[in-house]
Amino acid sequence: MKYRMDRENPKKAYLQLYEQLRADIVGGVLPYGSRLPSKRLLSEEVGVSVITVEHSYALLCEEGYVDSRERSGYFVIYREEELFSPAPLFVPLREESPSEAEDREDGFPFSLYAKKVRKVLSQYGPRLFSKGSRYGCMELRSALSGYLARARGIFATPEQIVIGSGAEYFYGSAVRLLGRERCYGVEDPSYAQITGAYRSLGVETELLPLRSDGIDSAALLSARADVLHVTPYQSFPSGASASASKKREYLRWAEKKEGRYLVEDDFQSEFTLSRKPEDTLFALSASQNVIYLNTFSKTVSPSIRVSYMVLPSALLAQFEERSGVISCPVPLLEQLVLAELISDGDFERHINRVRRNRRRRTK
């Protein structure tokens, strides 16, 4: 087993080592239950510091690939086979809604937002009165395409990205795209607007019990649903986050039967305490069966009712056919302001600042 650092790779050494170890774990080279090399031994083999190896191992622990056992070392806990998770069902739930729980200390700087508004008003002038593209302005879709590629590992063209008003807008879009005749599986407990939106559209929903690492494996295995709506990161109101094994389990569930889809509701995962961004199902998937949803309501402000959907390329023609006469409900001014924030790097700097602050506060 040899791991090497690519000196020309812009990624930091601990991320390169993490990715190589993760590939061996997922690929079965390091099977479930196996012990990782000691930090000192691996540091000597690779030619990096022990601190670098510690950072790599910490990431693998955070994401549920390995477990640290005192005085014993690090052991692989990821496995490919269907799991019947012993993780507990949730009892304590958060009472506040996501917007009420917002940490004011981490809010987006109003002065910076106001500065971008003035810039857009000056730069675009009367164009702001125009209706714009039905799927969102190309400036914002292009900015998002670049941001998702460099920050989230999601490689999608601007044409795969659709802009909308609020996450609930896209719950309806998913139903129009995939069909009302399907059964939609939803986490239980989950954000009330998710089940409420599906039921208001007249589709059948199946509640799947949630454990601390994601949907209960036995319930998922026997589910009637052929569309699974999941919130892998800190699902509300439970706070559960899907482990690495659970994320792969979701993907295998979707791949086992033709016509199955995952709707990935990626609310606020940008603010992970991990040293690297959360892995999304869309980025991990090798198939064309994950629809990705996200919103700016947490990263910028709840008053910014702007969300976006990333479609797999295989569904673009079907979406065009079934979206009918709908047009983007978000004012062009808001779209262009967000495009400026992303393109100028202000959005990512804010994300990184919040993550640093939260890591510091948890120490």
Foldseek 3Di string as FASTA:
>chain_A
DAAEDDPPDPDDPLVSVLVVVVCCDVVVVQDAFRFDDDLVVNCVRHVHDSVSPVLSLVLCCVQQQWDQDPPPHIGGHAHQDQDQDPFAFDDDWDDDDPQVPFDPVLAADPVLLVVLLVVCCVPPPPCLVDQAFQQAHLLLLQLVQVCCVVAAVFHAHSLQKGKAFAPLVVLVLVCLLLHQAFEEEEEVVADPSNVVSNVVVPHHYDYFGAGQQGGRRVCLVPDRGQEYEDAQALGPTRGHHHHPNRLSVVLVSNVPDPSGAYEYEDEPQLLDLRPGGDHDSNSVHPDQGYKYKYACCRLHHVVLRMIMIGHRPVSSVSSVVRVPPGGHPHRNSSSSSSSCCSVVVVSVVSSVVSSVVVNVVVD
